[in-house]
mmCIF file of all heavy atoms, coordinates in Angstrom:
data_MODEL
# 
_entry.id   MODEL 
# 
loop_
_atom_site.group_PDB 
_atom_site.id 
_atom_site.type_symbol 
_atom_site.label_atom_id 
_atom_site.label_alt_id 
_atom_site.label_comp_id 
_atom_site.label_asym_id 
_atom_site.label_entity_id 
_atom_site.label_seq_id 
_atom_site.pdbx_PDB_ins_code 
_atom_site.Cartn_x 
_atom_site.Cartn_y 
_atom_site.Cartn_z 
_atom_site.occupancy 
_atom_site.B_iso_or_equiv 
_atom_site.pdbx_formal_charge 
_atom_site.auth_seq_id 
_atom_site.auth_comp_id 
_atom_site.auth_asym_id 
_atom_site.auth_atom_id 
_atom_site.pdbx_PDB_model_num 
ATOM 1   N N   . VAL A 1 1  ? -21.016 -123.558 -17.341 1.00 0.00 ? 1  VAL A N   1 
ATOM 2   C CA  . VAL A 1 1  ? -20.224 -122.526 -16.666 1.00 0.00 ? 1  VAL A CA  1 
ATOM 3   C C   . VAL A 1 1  ? -19.511 -123.110 -15.446 1.00 0.00 ? 1  VAL A C   1 
ATOM 4   O O   . VAL A 1 1  ? -18.307 -122.870 -15.238 1.00 0.00 ? 1  VAL A O   1 
ATOM 5   C CB  . VAL A 1 1  ? -21.127 -121.337 -16.257 1.00 0.00 ? 1  VAL A CB  1 
ATOM 6   C CG1 . VAL A 1 1  ? -20.375 -120.368 -15.346 1.00 0.00 ? 1  VAL A CG1 1 
ATOM 7   C CG2 . VAL A 1 1  ? -21.625 -120.590 -17.501 1.00 0.00 ? 1  VAL A CG2 1 
ATOM 8   N N   . LEU A 1 2  ? -20.227 -123.868 -14.637 1.00 0.00 ? 2  LEU A N   1 
ATOM 9   C CA  . LEU A 1 2  ? -19.624 -124.439 -13.436 1.00 0.00 ? 2  LEU A CA  1 
ATOM 10  C C   . LEU A 1 2  ? -18.558 -125.485 -13.787 1.00 0.00 ? 2  LEU A C   1 
ATOM 11  O O   . LEU A 1 2  ? -17.518 -125.559 -13.122 1.00 0.00 ? 2  LEU A O   1 
ATOM 12  C CB  . LEU A 1 2  ? -20.698 -125.062 -12.546 1.00 0.00 ? 2  LEU A CB  1 
ATOM 13  C CG  . LEU A 1 2  ? -21.651 -124.074 -11.870 1.00 0.00 ? 2  LEU A CG  1 
ATOM 14  C CD1 . LEU A 1 2  ? -22.737 -124.826 -11.112 1.00 0.00 ? 2  LEU A CD1 1 
ATOM 15  C CD2 . LEU A 1 2  ? -20.910 -123.136 -10.929 1.00 0.00 ? 2  LEU A CD2 1 
ATOM 16  N N   . ALA A 1 3  ? -18.811 -126.275 -14.818 1.00 0.00 ? 3  ALA A N   1 
ATOM 17  C CA  . ALA A 1 3  ? -17.817 -127.269 -15.221 1.00 0.00 ? 3  ALA A CA  1 
ATOM 18  C C   . ALA A 1 3  ? -16.524 -126.583 -15.658 1.00 0.00 ? 3  ALA A C   1 
ATOM 19  O O   . ALA A 1 3  ? -15.419 -127.034 -15.307 1.00 0.00 ? 3  ALA A O   1 
ATOM 20  C CB  . ALA A 1 3  ? -18.375 -128.134 -16.354 1.00 0.00 ? 3  ALA A CB  1 
ATOM 21  N N   . TYR A 1 4  ? -16.661 -125.491 -16.388 1.00 0.00 ? 4  TYR A N   1 
ATOM 22  C CA  . TYR A 1 4  ? -15.462 -124.783 -16.836 1.00 0.00 ? 4  TYR A CA  1 
ATOM 23  C C   . TYR A 1 4  ? -14.779 -124.091 -15.655 1.00 0.00 ? 4  TYR A C   1 
ATOM 24  O O   . TYR A 1 4  ? -13.544 -124.012 -15.601 1.00 0.00 ? 4  TYR A O   1 
ATOM 25  C CB  . TYR A 1 4  ? -15.809 -123.780 -17.929 1.00 0.00 ? 4  TYR A CB  1 
ATOM 26  C CG  . TYR A 1 4  ? -14.597 -123.227 -18.647 1.00 0.00 ? 4  TYR A CG  1 
ATOM 27  C CD1 . TYR A 1 4  ? -13.554 -124.061 -19.034 1.00 0.00 ? 4  TYR A CD1 1 
ATOM 28  C CD2 . TYR A 1 4  ? -14.488 -121.874 -18.933 1.00 0.00 ? 4  TYR A CD2 1 
ATOM 29  C CE1 . TYR A 1 4  ? -12.439 -123.568 -19.688 1.00 0.00 ? 4  TYR A CE1 1 
ATOM 30  C CE2 . TYR A 1 4  ? -13.376 -121.365 -19.585 1.00 0.00 ? 4  TYR A CE2 1 
ATOM 31  C CZ  . TYR A 1 4  ? -12.355 -122.211 -19.958 1.00 0.00 ? 4  TYR A CZ  1 
ATOM 32  O OH  . TYR A 1 4  ? -11.244 -121.715 -20.596 1.00 0.00 ? 4  TYR A OH  1 
ATOM 33  N N   . ALA A 1 5  ? -15.571 -123.605 -14.703 1.00 0.00 ? 5  ALA A N   1 
ATOM 34  C CA  . ALA A 1 5  ? -14.983 -122.993 -13.509 1.00 0.00 ? 5  ALA A CA  1 
ATOM 35  C C   . ALA A 1 5  ? -14.127 -124.005 -12.757 1.00 0.00 ? 5  ALA A C   1 
ATOM 36  O O   . ALA A 1 5  ? -13.052 -123.668 -12.230 1.00 0.00 ? 5  ALA A O   1 
ATOM 37  C CB  . ALA A 1 5  ? -16.085 -122.450 -12.600 1.00 0.00 ? 5  ALA A CB  1 
ATOM 38  N N   . LEU A 1 6  ? -14.569 -125.252 -12.703 1.00 0.00 ? 6  LEU A N   1 
ATOM 39  C CA  . LEU A 1 6  ? -13.791 -126.294 -12.035 1.00 0.00 ? 6  LEU A CA  1 
ATOM 40  C C   . LEU A 1 6  ? -12.513 -126.602 -12.805 1.00 0.00 ? 6  LEU A C   1 
ATOM 41  O O   . LEU A 1 6  ? -11.465 -126.828 -12.204 1.00 0.00 ? 6  LEU A O   1 
ATOM 42  C CB  . LEU A 1 6  ? -14.642 -127.555 -11.882 1.00 0.00 ? 6  LEU A CB  1 
ATOM 43  C CG  . LEU A 1 6  ? -15.739 -127.479 -10.811 1.00 0.00 ? 6  LEU A CG  1 
ATOM 44  C CD1 . LEU A 1 6  ? -16.735 -128.619 -10.978 1.00 0.00 ? 6  LEU A CD1 1 
ATOM 45  C CD2 . LEU A 1 6  ? -15.120 -127.506 -9.414  1.00 0.00 ? 6  LEU A CD2 1 
ATOM 46  N N   . VAL A 1 7  ? -12.594 -126.601 -14.137 1.00 0.00 ? 7  VAL A N   1 
ATOM 47  C CA  . VAL A 1 7  ? -11.393 -126.805 -14.954 1.00 0.00 ? 7  VAL A CA  1 
ATOM 48  C C   . VAL A 1 7  ? -10.388 -125.691 -14.686 1.00 0.00 ? 7  VAL A C   1 
ATOM 49  O O   . VAL A 1 7  ? -9.189  -125.951 -14.488 1.00 0.00 ? 7  VAL A O   1 
ATOM 50  C CB  . VAL A 1 7  ? -11.761 -126.840 -16.449 1.00 0.00 ? 7  VAL A CB  1 
ATOM 51  C CG1 . VAL A 1 7  ? -10.499 -126.788 -17.322 1.00 0.00 ? 7  VAL A CG1 1 
ATOM 52  C CG2 . VAL A 1 7  ? -12.567 -128.093 -16.769 1.00 0.00 ? 7  VAL A CG2 1 
ATOM 53  N N   . LEU A 1 8  ? -10.857 -124.451 -14.669 1.00 0.00 ? 8  LEU A N   1 
ATOM 54  C CA  . LEU A 1 8  ? -9.966  -123.323 -14.417 1.00 0.00 ? 8  LEU A CA  1 
ATOM 55  C C   . LEU A 1 8  ? -9.352  -123.411 -13.019 1.00 0.00 ? 8  LEU A C   1 
ATOM 56  O O   . LEU A 1 8  ? -8.176  -123.090 -12.830 1.00 0.00 ? 8  LEU A O   1 
ATOM 57  C CB  . LEU A 1 8  ? -10.722 -122.004 -14.574 1.00 0.00 ? 8  LEU A CB  1 
ATOM 58  C CG  . LEU A 1 8  ? -11.216 -121.680 -15.993 1.00 0.00 ? 8  LEU A CG  1 
ATOM 59  C CD1 . LEU A 1 8  ? -12.038 -120.392 -15.973 1.00 0.00 ? 8  LEU A CD1 1 
ATOM 60  C CD2 . LEU A 1 8  ? -10.047 -121.555 -16.957 1.00 0.00 ? 8  LEU A CD2 1 
ATOM 61  N N   . ALA A 1 9  ? -10.151 -123.840 -12.045 1.00 0.00 ? 9  ALA A N   1 
ATOM 62  C CA  . ALA A 1 9  ? -9.638  -123.971 -10.682 1.00 0.00 ? 9  ALA A CA  1 
ATOM 63  C C   . ALA A 1 9  ? -8.533  -125.014 -10.621 1.00 0.00 ? 9  ALA A C   1 
ATOM 64  O O   . ALA A 1 9  ? -7.513  -124.829 -9.944  1.00 0.00 ? 9  ALA A O   1 
ATOM 65  C CB  . ALA A 1 9  ? -10.774 -124.333 -9.726  1.00 0.00 ? 9  ALA A CB  1 
ATOM 66  N N   . ASP A 1 10 ? -8.718  -126.124 -11.345 1.00 0.00 ? 10 ASP A N   1 
ATOM 67  C CA  . ASP A 1 10 ? -7.684  -127.166 -11.383 1.00 0.00 ? 10 ASP A CA  1 
ATOM 68  C C   . ASP A 1 10 ? -6.403  -126.629 -12.014 1.00 0.00 ? 10 ASP A C   1 
ATOM 69  O O   . ASP A 1 10 ? -5.281  -126.931 -11.561 1.00 0.00 ? 10 ASP A O   1 
ATOM 70  C CB  . ASP A 1 10 ? -8.182  -128.373 -12.171 1.00 0.00 ? 10 ASP A CB  1 
ATOM 71  C CG  . ASP A 1 10 ? -9.179  -129.204 -11.391 1.00 0.00 ? 10 ASP A CG  1 
ATOM 72  O OD1 . ASP A 1 10 ? -9.237  -129.051 -10.151 1.00 0.00 ? 10 ASP A OD1 1 
ATOM 73  O OD2 . ASP A 1 10 ? -9.913  -129.991 -12.016 1.00 0.00 ? 10 ASP A OD2 1 
ATOM 74  N N   . GLU A 1 11 ? -6.555  -125.827 -13.050 1.00 0.00 ? 11 GLU A N   1 
ATOM 75  C CA  . GLU A 1 11 ? -5.385  -125.277 -13.727 1.00 0.00 ? 11 GLU A CA  1 
ATOM 76  C C   . GLU A 1 11 ? -4.624  -124.300 -12.844 1.00 0.00 ? 11 GLU A C   1 
ATOM 77  O O   . GLU A 1 11 ? -3.401  -124.186 -12.927 1.00 0.00 ? 11 GLU A O   1 
ATOM 78  C CB  . GLU A 1 11 ? -5.819  -124.576 -15.024 1.00 0.00 ? 11 GLU A CB  1 
ATOM 79  C CG  . GLU A 1 11 ? -6.307  -125.537 -16.093 1.00 0.00 ? 11 GLU A CG  1 
ATOM 80  C CD  . GLU A 1 11 ? -6.813  -124.820 -17.329 1.00 0.00 ? 11 GLU A CD  1 
ATOM 81  O OE1 . GLU A 1 11 ? -6.912  -123.565 -17.298 1.00 0.00 ? 11 GLU A OE1 1 
ATOM 82  O OE2 . GLU A 1 11 ? -7.108  -125.503 -18.338 1.00 0.00 ? 11 GLU A OE2 1 
ATOM 83  N N   . GLU A 1 12 ? -5.370  -123.610 -11.964 1.00 0.00 ? 12 GLU A N   1 
ATOM 84  C CA  . GLU A 1 12 ? -4.740  -122.628 -11.078 1.00 0.00 ? 12 GLU A CA  1 
ATOM 85  C C   . GLU A 1 12 ? -4.041  -123.293 -9.905  1.00 0.00 ? 12 GLU A C   1 
ATOM 86  O O   . GLU A 1 12 ? -3.253  -122.654 -9.200  1.00 0.00 ? 12 GLU A O   1 
ATOM 87  C CB  . GLU A 1 12 ? -5.787  -121.637 -10.575 1.00 0.00 ? 12 GLU A CB  1 
ATOM 88  C CG  . GLU A 1 12 ? -6.317  -120.715 -11.674 1.00 0.00 ? 12 GLU A CG  1 
ATOM 89  C CD  . GLU A 1 12 ? -7.535  -119.936 -11.233 1.00 0.00 ? 12 GLU A CD  1 
ATOM 90  O OE1 . GLU A 1 12 ? -7.923  -120.064 -10.049 1.00 0.00 ? 12 GLU A OE1 1 
ATOM 91  O OE2 . GLU A 1 12 ? -8.110  -119.212 -12.068 1.00 0.00 ? 12 GLU A OE2 1 
ATOM 92  N N   . GLY A 1 13 ? -4.322  -124.572 -9.667  1.00 0.00 ? 13 GLY A N   1 
ATOM 93  C CA  . GLY A 1 13 ? -3.634  -125.281 -8.597  1.00 0.00 ? 13 GLY A CA  1 
ATOM 94  C C   . GLY A 1 13 ? -4.373  -125.233 -7.276  1.00 0.00 ? 13 GLY A C   1 
ATOM 95  O O   . GLY A 1 13 ? -5.603  -125.289 -7.232  1.00 0.00 ? 13 GLY A O   1 
ATOM 96  N N   . ASP A 1 14 ? -3.643  -125.113 -6.196  1.00 0.00 ? 14 ASP A N   1 
ATOM 97  C CA  . ASP A 1 14 ? -4.185  -125.198 -4.836  1.00 0.00 ? 14 ASP A CA  1 
ATOM 98  C C   . ASP A 1 14 ? -5.326  -124.216 -4.634  1.00 0.00 ? 14 ASP A C   1 
ATOM 99  O O   . ASP A 1 14 ? -5.161  -123.007 -4.795  1.00 0.00 ? 14 ASP A O   1 
ATOM 100 C CB  . ASP A 1 14 ? -3.072  -124.920 -3.825  1.00 0.00 ? 14 ASP A CB  1 
ATOM 101 C CG  . ASP A 1 14 ? -3.549  -125.052 -2.385  1.00 0.00 ? 14 ASP A CG  1 
ATOM 102 O OD1 . ASP A 1 14 ? -4.587  -125.700 -2.164  1.00 0.00 ? 14 ASP A OD1 1 
ATOM 103 O OD2 . ASP A 1 14 ? -2.874  -124.505 -1.494  1.00 0.00 ? 14 ASP A OD2 1 
ATOM 104 N N   . GLN A 1 15 ? -6.501  -124.749 -4.266  1.00 0.00 ? 15 GLN A N   1 
ATOM 105 C CA  . GLN A 1 15 ? -7.668  -123.908 -4.010  1.00 0.00 ? 15 GLN A CA  1 
ATOM 106 C C   . GLN A 1 15 ? -8.032  -123.892 -2.527  1.00 0.00 ? 15 GLN A C   1 
ATOM 107 O O   . GLN A 1 15 ? -9.187  -123.650 -2.163  1.00 0.00 ? 15 GLN A O   1 
ATOM 108 C CB  . GLN A 1 15 ? -8.855  -124.403 -4.841  1.00 0.00 ? 15 GLN A CB  1 
ATOM 109 C CG  . GLN A 1 15 ? -8.679  -124.204 -6.332  1.00 0.00 ? 15 GLN A CG  1 
ATOM 110 C CD  . GLN A 1 15 ? -8.645  -122.740 -6.717  1.00 0.00 ? 15 GLN A CD  1 
ATOM 111 O OE1 . GLN A 1 15 ? -9.571  -121.989 -6.438  1.00 0.00 ? 15 GLN A OE1 1 
ATOM 112 N NE2 . GLN A 1 15 ? -7.555  -122.323 -7.327  1.00 0.00 ? 15 GLN A NE2 1 
ATOM 113 N N   . THR A 1 16 ? -7.054  -124.151 -1.666  1.00 0.00 ? 16 THR A N   1 
ATOM 114 C CA  . THR A 1 16 ? -7.300  -124.114 -0.232  1.00 0.00 ? 16 THR A CA  1 
ATOM 115 C C   . THR A 1 16 ? -7.836  -122.742 0.166   1.00 0.00 ? 16 THR A C   1 
ATOM 116 O O   . THR A 1 16 ? -7.283  -121.713 -0.219  1.00 0.00 ? 16 THR A O   1 
ATOM 117 C CB  . THR A 1 16 ? -5.997  -124.384 0.548   1.00 0.00 ? 16 THR A CB  1 
ATOM 118 O OG1 . THR A 1 16 ? -5.509  -125.677 0.186   1.00 0.00 ? 16 THR A OG1 1 
ATOM 119 C CG2 . THR A 1 16 ? -6.253  -124.342 2.047   1.00 0.00 ? 16 THR A CG2 1 
ATOM 120 N N   . GLY A 1 17 ? -8.915  -122.747 0.911   1.00 0.00 ? 17 GLY A N   1 
ATOM 121 C CA  . GLY A 1 17 ? -9.505  -121.483 1.324   1.00 0.00 ? 17 GLY A CA  1 
ATOM 122 C C   . GLY A 1 17 ? -10.455 -120.895 0.304   1.00 0.00 ? 17 GLY A C   1 
ATOM 123 O O   . GLY A 1 17 ? -10.846 -119.735 0.404   1.00 0.00 ? 17 GLY A O   1 
ATOM 124 N N   . SER A 1 18 ? -10.865 -121.705 -0.677  1.00 0.00 ? 18 SER A N   1 
ATOM 125 C CA  . SER A 1 18 ? -11.819 -121.268 -1.691  1.00 0.00 ? 18 SER A CA  1 
ATOM 126 C C   . SER A 1 18 ? -13.218 -121.751 -1.323  1.00 0.00 ? 18 SER A C   1 
ATOM 127 O O   . SER A 1 18 ? -13.435 -122.952 -1.137  1.00 0.00 ? 18 SER A O   1 
ATOM 128 C CB  . SER A 1 18 ? -11.432 -121.819 -3.063  1.00 0.00 ? 18 SER A CB  1 
ATOM 129 O OG  . SER A 1 18 ? -12.509 -121.766 -3.964  1.00 0.00 ? 18 SER A OG  1 
ATOM 130 N N   . ALA A 1 19 ? -14.169 -120.822 -1.224  1.00 0.00 ? 19 ALA A N   1 
ATOM 131 C CA  . ALA A 1 19 ? -15.547 -121.205 -0.937  1.00 0.00 ? 19 ALA A CA  1 
ATOM 132 C C   . ALA A 1 19 ? -16.119 -122.032 -2.079  1.00 0.00 ? 19 ALA A C   1 
ATOM 133 O O   . ALA A 1 19 ? -16.849 -123.002 -1.860  1.00 0.00 ? 19 ALA A O   1 
ATOM 134 C CB  . ALA A 1 19 ? -16.390 -119.950 -0.700  1.00 0.00 ? 19 ALA A CB  1 
ATOM 135 N N   . PHE A 1 20 ? -15.780 -121.646 -3.309  1.00 0.00 ? 20 PHE A N   1 
ATOM 136 C CA  . PHE A 1 20 ? -16.278 -122.378 -4.471  1.00 0.00 ? 20 PHE A CA  1 
ATOM 137 C C   . PHE A 1 20 ? -15.767 -123.817 -4.462  1.00 0.00 ? 20 PHE A C   1 
ATOM 138 O O   . PHE A 1 20 ? -16.540 -124.764 -4.657  1.00 0.00 ? 20 PHE A O   1 
ATOM 139 C CB  . PHE A 1 20 ? -15.850 -121.664 -5.754  1.00 0.00 ? 20 PHE A CB  1 
ATOM 140 C CG  . PHE A 1 20 ? -16.247 -122.378 -7.008  1.00 0.00 ? 20 PHE A CG  1 
ATOM 141 C CD1 . PHE A 1 20 ? -17.571 -122.425 -7.409  1.00 0.00 ? 20 PHE A CD1 1 
ATOM 142 C CD2 . PHE A 1 20 ? -15.294 -123.008 -7.798  1.00 0.00 ? 20 PHE A CD2 1 
ATOM 143 C CE1 . PHE A 1 20 ? -17.949 -123.090 -8.576  1.00 0.00 ? 20 PHE A CE1 1 
ATOM 144 C CE2 . PHE A 1 20 ? -15.654 -123.671 -8.962  1.00 0.00 ? 20 PHE A CE2 1 
ATOM 145 C CZ  . PHE A 1 20 ? -16.985 -123.710 -9.353  1.00 0.00 ? 20 PHE A CZ  1 
ATOM 146 N N   . ALA A 1 21 ? -14.476 -123.999 -4.237  1.00 0.00 ? 21 ALA A N   1 
ATOM 147 C CA  . ALA A 1 21 ? -13.914 -125.350 -4.225  1.00 0.00 ? 21 ALA A CA  1 
ATOM 148 C C   . ALA A 1 21 ? -14.512 -126.189 -3.107  1.00 0.00 ? 21 ALA A C   1 
ATOM 149 O O   . ALA A 1 21 ? -14.624 -127.415 -3.234  1.00 0.00 ? 21 ALA A O   1 
ATOM 150 C CB  . ALA A 1 21 ? -12.398 -125.277 -4.074  1.00 0.00 ? 21 ALA A CB  1 
ATOM 151 N N   . ALA A 1 22 ? -14.916 -125.545 -2.016  1.00 0.00 ? 22 ALA A N   1 
ATOM 152 C CA  . ALA A 1 22 ? -15.494 -126.278 -0.890  1.00 0.00 ? 22 ALA A CA  1 
ATOM 153 C C   . ALA A 1 22 ? -16.865 -126.852 -1.214  1.00 0.00 ? 22 ALA A C   1 
ATOM 154 O O   . ALA A 1 22 ? -17.269 -127.876 -0.648  1.00 0.00 ? 22 ALA A O   1 
ATOM 155 C CB  . ALA A 1 22 ? -15.598 -125.364 0.333   1.00 0.00 ? 22 ALA A CB  1 
ATOM 156 N N   . LEU A 1 23 ? -17.592 -126.213 -2.145  1.00 0.00 ? 23 LEU A N   1 
ATOM 157 C CA  . LEU A 1 23 ? -18.987 -126.605 -2.384  1.00 0.00 ? 23 LEU A CA  1 
ATOM 158 C C   . LEU A 1 23 ? -19.281 -127.060 -3.809  1.00 0.00 ? 23 LEU A C   1 
ATOM 159 O O   . LEU A 1 23 ? -20.412 -127.451 -4.106  1.00 0.00 ? 23 LEU A O   1 
ATOM 160 C CB  . LEU A 1 23 ? -19.905 -125.430 -2.021  1.00 0.00 ? 23 LEU A CB  1 
ATOM 161 C CG  . LEU A 1 23 ? -19.894 -125.043 -0.548  1.00 0.00 ? 23 LEU A CG  1 
ATOM 162 C CD1 . LEU A 1 23 ? -20.776 -123.826 -0.306  1.00 0.00 ? 23 LEU A CD1 1 
ATOM 163 C CD2 . LEU A 1 23 ? -20.347 -126.213 0.329   1.00 0.00 ? 23 LEU A CD2 1 
ATOM 164 N N   . ALA A 1 24 ? -18.317 -126.993 -4.686  1.00 0.00 ? 24 ALA A N   1 
ATOM 165 C CA  . ALA A 1 24 ? -18.541 -127.391 -6.075  1.00 0.00 ? 24 ALA A CA  1 
ATOM 166 C C   . ALA A 1 24 ? -17.849 -128.716 -6.376  1.00 0.00 ? 24 ALA A C   1 
ATOM 167 O O   . ALA A 1 24 ? -16.777 -128.983 -5.825  1.00 0.00 ? 24 ALA A O   1 
ATOM 168 C CB  . ALA A 1 24 ? -18.030 -126.304 -7.017  1.00 0.00 ? 24 ALA A CB  1 
ATOM 169 N N   . PRO A 1 25 ? -18.416 -129.527 -7.270  1.00 0.00 ? 25 PRO A N   1 
ATOM 170 C CA  . PRO A 1 25 ? -19.714 -129.310 -7.910  1.00 0.00 ? 25 PRO A CA  1 
ATOM 171 C C   . PRO A 1 25 ? -20.852 -129.623 -6.945  1.00 0.00 ? 25 PRO A C   1 
ATOM 172 O O   . PRO A 1 25 ? -20.678 -130.417 -6.009  1.00 0.00 ? 25 PRO A O   1 
ATOM 173 C CB  . PRO A 1 25 ? -19.684 -130.318 -9.070  1.00 0.00 ? 25 PRO A CB  1 
ATOM 174 C CG  . PRO A 1 25 ? -18.826 -131.439 -8.557  1.00 0.00 ? 25 PRO A CG  1 
ATOM 175 C CD  . PRO A 1 25 ? -17.766 -130.771 -7.725  1.00 0.00 ? 25 PRO A CD  1 
ATOM 176 N N   . PRO A 1 26 ? -22.018 -129.010 -7.147  1.00 0.00 ? 26 PRO A N   1 
ATOM 177 C CA  . PRO A 1 26 ? -23.135 -129.298 -6.247  1.00 0.00 ? 26 PRO A CA  1 
ATOM 178 C C   . PRO A 1 26 ? -23.591 -130.750 -6.378  1.00 0.00 ? 26 PRO A C   1 
ATOM 179 O O   . PRO A 1 26 ? -23.505 -131.343 -7.459  1.00 0.00 ? 26 PRO A O   1 
ATOM 180 C CB  . PRO A 1 26 ? -24.231 -128.325 -6.718  1.00 0.00 ? 26 PRO A CB  1 
ATOM 181 C CG  . PRO A 1 26 ? -23.865 -127.985 -8.126  1.00 0.00 ? 26 PRO A CG  1 
ATOM 182 C CD  . PRO A 1 26 ? -22.372 -128.045 -8.192  1.00 0.00 ? 26 PRO A CD  1 
ATOM 183 N N   . TYR A 1 27 ? -24.059 -131.304 -5.268  1.00 0.00 ? 27 TYR A N   1 
ATOM 184 C CA  . TYR A 1 27 ? -24.536 -132.682 -5.263  1.00 0.00 ? 27 TYR A CA  1 
ATOM 185 C C   . TYR A 1 27 ? -25.872 -132.751 -5.991  1.00 0.00 ? 27 TYR A C   1 
ATOM 186 O O   . TYR A 1 27 ? -26.824 -132.053 -5.638  1.00 0.00 ? 27 TYR A O   1 
ATOM 187 C CB  . TYR A 1 27 ? -24.688 -133.173 -3.820  1.00 0.00 ? 27 TYR A CB  1 
ATOM 188 C CG  . TYR A 1 27 ? -25.237 -134.571 -3.703  1.00 0.00 ? 27 TYR A CG  1 
ATOM 189 C CD1 . TYR A 1 27 ? -24.615 -135.648 -4.338  1.00 0.00 ? 27 TYR A CD1 1 
ATOM 190 C CD2 . TYR A 1 27 ? -26.366 -134.832 -2.938  1.00 0.00 ? 27 TYR A CD2 1 
ATOM 191 C CE1 . TYR A 1 27 ? -25.109 -136.947 -4.224  1.00 0.00 ? 27 TYR A CE1 1 
ATOM 192 C CE2 . TYR A 1 27 ? -26.865 -136.123 -2.804  1.00 0.00 ? 27 TYR A CE2 1 
ATOM 193 C CZ  . TYR A 1 27 ? -26.237 -137.173 -3.455  1.00 0.00 ? 27 TYR A CZ  1 
ATOM 194 O OH  . TYR A 1 27 ? -26.733 -138.453 -3.335  1.00 0.00 ? 27 TYR A OH  1 
ATOM 195 N N   . GLU A 1 28 ? -25.931 -133.607 -7.018  1.00 0.00 ? 28 GLU A N   1 
ATOM 196 C CA  . GLU A 1 28 ? -27.115 -133.707 -7.864  1.00 0.00 ? 28 GLU A CA  1 
ATOM 197 C C   . GLU A 1 28 ? -27.437 -135.181 -8.113  1.00 0.00 ? 28 GLU A C   1 
ATOM 198 O O   . GLU A 1 28 ? -27.111 -135.732 -9.170  1.00 0.00 ? 28 GLU A O   1 
ATOM 199 C CB  . GLU A 1 28 ? -26.885 -132.970 -9.190  1.00 0.00 ? 28 GLU A CB  1 
ATOM 200 C CG  . GLU A 1 28 ? -26.605 -131.477 -8.989  1.00 0.00 ? 28 GLU A CG  1 
ATOM 201 C CD  . GLU A 1 28 ? -26.227 -130.764 -10.271 1.00 0.00 ? 28 GLU A CD  1 
ATOM 202 O OE1 . GLU A 1 28 ? -25.961 -131.444 -11.287 1.00 0.00 ? 28 GLU A OE1 1 
ATOM 203 O OE2 . GLU A 1 28 ? -26.203 -129.512 -10.267 1.00 0.00 ? 28 GLU A OE2 1 
ATOM 204 N N   . PRO A 1 29 ? -28.070 -135.833 -7.142  1.00 0.00 ? 29 PRO A N   1 
ATOM 205 C CA  . PRO A 1 29 ? -28.398 -137.252 -7.330  1.00 0.00 ? 29 PRO A CA  1 
ATOM 206 C C   . PRO A 1 29 ? -29.382 -137.438 -8.481  1.00 0.00 ? 29 PRO A C   1 
ATOM 207 O O   . PRO A 1 29 ? -30.097 -136.508 -8.868  1.00 0.00 ? 29 PRO A O   1 
ATOM 208 C CB  . PRO A 1 29 ? -29.026 -137.646 -5.987  1.00 0.00 ? 29 PRO A CB  1 
ATOM 209 C CG  . PRO A 1 29 ? -29.528 -136.369 -5.406  1.00 0.00 ? 29 PRO A CG  1 
ATOM 210 C CD  . PRO A 1 29 ? -28.564 -135.306 -5.859  1.00 0.00 ? 29 PRO A CD  1 
ATOM 211 N N   . ASP A 1 30 ? -29.409 -138.652 -9.031  1.00 0.00 ? 30 ASP A N   1 
ATOM 212 C CA  . ASP A 1 30 ? -30.343 -138.961 -10.118 1.00 0.00 ? 30 ASP A CA  1 
ATOM 213 C C   . ASP A 1 30 ? -31.755 -138.586 -9.700  1.00 0.00 ? 30 ASP A C   1 
ATOM 214 O O   . ASP A 1 30 ? -32.186 -138.870 -8.575  1.00 0.00 ? 30 ASP A O   1 
ATOM 215 C CB  . ASP A 1 30 ? -30.283 -140.450 -10.465 1.00 0.00 ? 30 ASP A CB  1 
ATOM 216 C CG  . ASP A 1 30 ? -28.966 -140.837 -11.130 1.00 0.00 ? 30 ASP A CG  1 
ATOM 217 O OD1 . ASP A 1 30 ? -28.240 -139.929 -11.581 1.00 0.00 ? 30 ASP A OD1 1 
ATOM 218 O OD2 . ASP A 1 30 ? -28.673 -142.051 -11.177 1.00 0.00 ? 30 ASP A OD2 1 
# 
């Protein structure tokens, strides 16, 4: 779901001022 949300955000263009864009994808170290 999150991966697709990022794809959709890229398609929509500028995400300045988006809380989701500010924090996604979450940091997930090995």
